[in-house]
Amino acid sequence: MSKLDEVIDSLTNENVEEVKEQLISEATALNENNSQLYTRAKKAEGFEKKDGKWVKKEVKEVKPKTEIKAETPGEFDYGEKTFISNLLGAKINDPDQVALVRDYLASGKKLDDLIDNKHFKNDLKDIQDNKAAKEAIPDGSRGSGGTSAKDSVEYYLSKGEMPPEDKPALRRQYVNEKYNREKDVSHFAK
């Protein structure tokens, strides 16, 4: 049985005023409770009360703070770097190979297109072969006997001969180096 049914059953001529006051107070309390619930619902929906009317709040567009992007506009992101090194076979830390990939991309190609592109593969192989060949050539200090060794002071010091007269700069270097070496030798050695 509801509270309203109880009030109606208890109604008599003697207690009409008392019941009337009770109904008014309960209606006021119910109205206040409903008003609070309505206010909470409107605020939850994004409204705010201005000048007695409910107005939708202006929603500020929130941009995500962290986005994974390339370090600079010209660089590849991590996914592209992985694709280039694993599927294309280019070394991402070699500037010549990366420049080749950029050139092909600048010409309108996509990374996916480069997998089967025979011209790209040939150009990449040329760059890799040239680099391997340069790394395989010994430098002059290893005694290769090339022309670069004959142009060094060390070559002539080891032979104990003065460089030819047609190389005056090398002769000066030879004399200076020989002087420095002899100066550093102790004349009072034990």
Protein backbone atom coordinates (compact mmCIF):
# COMPACT_ATOMS: atom_id res chain seq x y z
CA MET A 1 0.00 0.00 0.00
CA SER A 2 1.39 3.39 -0.96
CA LYS A 3 1.69 6.41 1.25
CA LEU A 4 -0.92 8.25 -0.81
CA ASP A 5 -3.45 5.46 -0.25
CA GLU A 6 -2.81 5.68 3.50
CA VAL A 7 -3.43 9.42 3.51
CA ILE A 8 -6.69 9.07 1.52
CA ASP A 9 -7.96 6.32 3.85
CA SER A 10 -7.18 8.42 6.93
CA LEU A 11 -9.07 11.44 5.58
CA THR A 12 -11.96 12.66 7.74
CA ASN A 13 -13.64 16.02 8.21
CA GLU A 14 -11.72 16.64 11.38
CA ASN A 15 -8.19 16.16 9.99
CA VAL A 16 -8.58 17.69 6.50
CA GLU A 17 -6.44 20.72 7.31
CA GLU A 18 -3.73 18.56 8.84
CA VAL A 19 -3.66 16.19 5.84
CA LYS A 20 -3.68 19.13 3.46
CA GLU A 21 -0.57 20.61 5.14
CA GLN A 22 1.12 17.21 5.10
CA LEU A 23 0.41 16.78 1.37
CA ILE A 24 1.72 20.25 0.60
CA SER A 25 4.97 19.64 2.53
CA GLU A 26 5.48 16.26 0.88
CA ALA A 27 4.77 17.75 -2.54
CA THR A 28 7.25 20.56 -1.85
CA ALA A 29 9.93 18.05 -0.74
CA LEU A 30 9.25 15.89 -3.81
CA ASN A 31 9.40 18.91 -6.09
CA GLU A 32 12.72 20.02 -4.55
CA ASN A 33 14.16 16.50 -4.92
CA ASN A 34 13.03 16.33 -8.57
CA SER A 35 14.56 19.76 -9.21
CA GLN A 36 17.90 18.59 -7.81
CA LEU A 37 17.82 15.43 -9.95
CA TYR A 38 16.92 17.47 -13.04
CA THR A 39 19.81 19.87 -12.37
CA ARG A 40 22.27 16.99 -11.97
CA ALA A 41 21.01 15.35 -15.18
CA LYS A 42 21.35 18.58 -17.17
CA LYS A 43 24.88 19.17 -15.88
CA ALA A 44 25.81 15.59 -16.77
CA GLU A 45 24.53 16.21 -20.31
CA GLY A 46 26.81 19.23 -20.62
CA PHE A 47 24.36 22.05 -19.95
CA GLU A 48 24.82 25.02 -17.65
CA LYS A 49 22.28 27.45 -16.27
CA LYS A 50 22.59 31.03 -17.57
CA ASP A 51 19.99 33.68 -16.83
CA GLY A 52 17.52 31.04 -15.62
CA LYS A 53 17.77 28.94 -18.81
CA TRP A 54 19.67 25.77 -19.55
CA VAL A 55 22.30 26.36 -22.26
CA LYS A 56 24.62 23.80 -23.81
CA LYS A 57 28.27 24.40 -22.78
CA GLU A 58 30.75 25.19 -25.49
CA VAL A 59 32.92 22.13 -25.82
CA LYS A 60 36.58 22.94 -26.24
CA GLU A 61 38.25 20.56 -28.61
CA VAL A 62 40.84 18.60 -26.70
CA LYS A 63 43.80 17.49 -28.76
CA PRO A 64 45.76 14.48 -27.60
CA LYS A 65 48.99 15.58 -25.97
CA THR A 66 51.17 12.77 -27.19
CA GLU A 67 51.26 11.76 -30.78
CA ILE A 68 53.85 9.44 -32.25
CA LYS A 69 55.33 11.30 -35.15
CA ALA A 70 58.63 11.48 -36.87
CA GLU A 71 61.27 13.55 -35.08
CA THR A 72 61.32 16.10 -37.88
CA PRO A 73 59.07 16.44 -40.90
CA GLY A 74 61.65 14.86 -43.22
CA GLU A 75 62.34 11.80 -41.10
CA PHE A 76 60.64 8.46 -41.24
CA ASP A 77 58.57 7.18 -38.34
CA TYR A 78 59.45 3.93 -36.60
CA GLY A 79 57.15 1.82 -38.74
CA GLU A 80 58.61 3.21 -41.95
CA LYS A 81 62.15 2.70 -40.67
CA THR A 82 61.38 -0.93 -39.89
CA PHE A 83 59.80 -1.41 -43.33
CA ILE A 84 62.79 0.16 -45.08
CA SER A 85 65.38 -1.89 -43.23
CA ASN A 86 63.57 -5.25 -43.13
CA LEU A 87 61.66 -5.41 -46.40
CA LEU A 88 63.65 -3.12 -48.67
CA GLY A 89 67.06 -4.12 -47.28
CA ALA A 90 68.31 -0.55 -46.94
CA LYS A 91 70.30 0.43 -43.88
CA ILE A 92 68.51 3.26 -42.10
CA ASN A 93 71.76 4.66 -40.66
CA ASP A 94 73.42 4.96 -44.10
CA PRO A 95 72.69 8.45 -45.48
CA ASP A 96 73.19 7.37 -49.10
CA GLN A 97 70.68 4.55 -48.84
CA VAL A 98 68.14 6.73 -47.02
CA ALA A 99 68.62 9.46 -49.66
CA LEU A 100 67.88 6.88 -52.36
CA VAL A 101 64.61 5.90 -50.65
CA ARG A 102 63.66 9.58 -50.29
CA ASP A 103 64.41 10.21 -53.97
CA TYR A 104 62.11 7.41 -55.04
CA LEU A 105 59.38 8.58 -52.65
CA ALA A 106 59.75 12.15 -53.94
CA SER A 107 59.19 10.89 -57.48
CA GLY A 108 55.73 9.70 -56.49
CA LYS A 109 56.46 6.11 -55.52
CA LYS A 110 55.17 4.58 -52.29
CA LEU A 111 57.16 2.38 -49.93
CA ASP A 112 55.08 -0.63 -50.98
CA ASP A 113 55.97 0.00 -54.63
CA LEU A 114 59.70 -0.15 -53.89
CA ILE A 115 59.59 -3.81 -52.83
CA ASP A 116 59.21 -5.01 -56.42
CA ASN A 117 60.86 -2.08 -58.21
CA LYS A 118 63.88 -3.48 -60.06
CA HIS A 119 65.40 -0.02 -60.63
CA PHE A 120 65.32 0.73 -56.91
CA LYS A 121 66.82 -2.66 -56.11
CA ASN A 122 69.63 -2.12 -58.64
CA ASP A 123 70.38 1.39 -57.35
CA LEU A 124 70.40 0.15 -53.75
CA LYS A 125 72.70 -2.76 -54.68
CA ASP A 126 75.09 -0.33 -56.42
CA ILE A 127 75.28 1.86 -53.31
CA GLN A 128 75.85 -1.16 -51.06
CA ASP A 129 78.50 -2.64 -53.38
CA ASN A 130 80.36 0.69 -53.65
CA LYS A 131 80.40 1.06 -49.89
CA ALA A 132 81.65 -2.52 -49.44
CA ALA A 133 84.39 -1.92 -52.01
CA LYS A 134 85.54 1.28 -50.27
CA GLU A 135 85.67 -0.52 -46.94
CA ALA A 136 87.72 -3.35 -48.46
CA ILE A 137 90.48 -1.04 -49.73
CA PRO A 138 93.29 -0.80 -47.16
CA ASP A 139 94.45 2.64 -46.15
CA GLY A 140 97.99 3.88 -46.83
CA SER A 141 99.25 3.28 -43.27
CA ARG A 142 98.94 -0.49 -43.61
CA GLY A 143 101.87 -0.78 -46.03
CA SER A 144 99.85 -1.22 -49.16
CA GLY A 145 102.68 0.14 -51.26
CA GLY A 146 100.33 2.43 -53.18
CA THR A 147 101.20 5.92 -54.35
CA SER A 148 99.76 7.44 -51.19
CA ALA A 149 102.46 5.75 -49.09
CA LYS A 150 105.23 7.32 -51.15
CA ASP A 151 103.71 10.73 -50.43
CA SER A 152 104.01 10.33 -46.66
CA VAL A 153 106.82 11.39 -44.36
CA GLU A 154 106.72 8.00 -42.62
CA TYR A 155 107.65 6.23 -45.86
CA TYR A 156 110.83 8.26 -46.31
CA LEU A 157 111.73 8.16 -42.60
CA SER A 158 111.53 4.37 -42.62
CA LYS A 159 113.79 4.24 -45.71
CA GLY A 160 116.15 6.86 -44.25
CA GLU A 161 116.09 8.85 -47.49
CA MET A 162 115.17 12.42 -48.27
CA PRO A 163 112.01 12.85 -50.44
CA PRO A 164 112.58 13.84 -54.09
CA GLU A 165 113.38 17.46 -54.94
CA ASP A 166 110.12 17.88 -56.88
CA LYS A 167 108.17 17.63 -53.58
CA PRO A 168 109.41 20.57 -51.49
CA ALA A 169 106.50 20.52 -49.00
CA LEU A 170 107.16 16.84 -48.27
CA ARG A 171 110.89 17.57 -47.88
CA ARG A 172 110.12 20.29 -45.30
CA GLN A 173 107.84 17.92 -43.38
CA TYR A 174 110.54 15.24 -43.51
CA VAL A 175 113.20 17.57 -42.10
CA ASN A 176 110.89 18.86 -39.34
CA GLU A 177 109.84 15.36 -38.30
CA LYS A 178 113.41 14.07 -38.30
CA TYR A 179 114.50 17.08 -36.22
CA ASN A 180 111.65 16.51 -33.71
CA ARG A 181 112.53 12.83 -33.36
CA GLU A 182 116.21 13.51 -32.82
CA LYS A 183 115.46 16.32 -30.38
CA ASP A 184 113.32 13.98 -28.23
CA VAL A 185 116.12 11.39 -27.99
CA SER A 186 118.20 11.74 -24.84
CA HIS A 187 121.87 12.34 -25.67
CA PHE A 188 122.89 11.06 -22.27
CA ALA A 189 121.34 7.63 -22.54
CA LYS A 190 122.71 5.03 -20.15
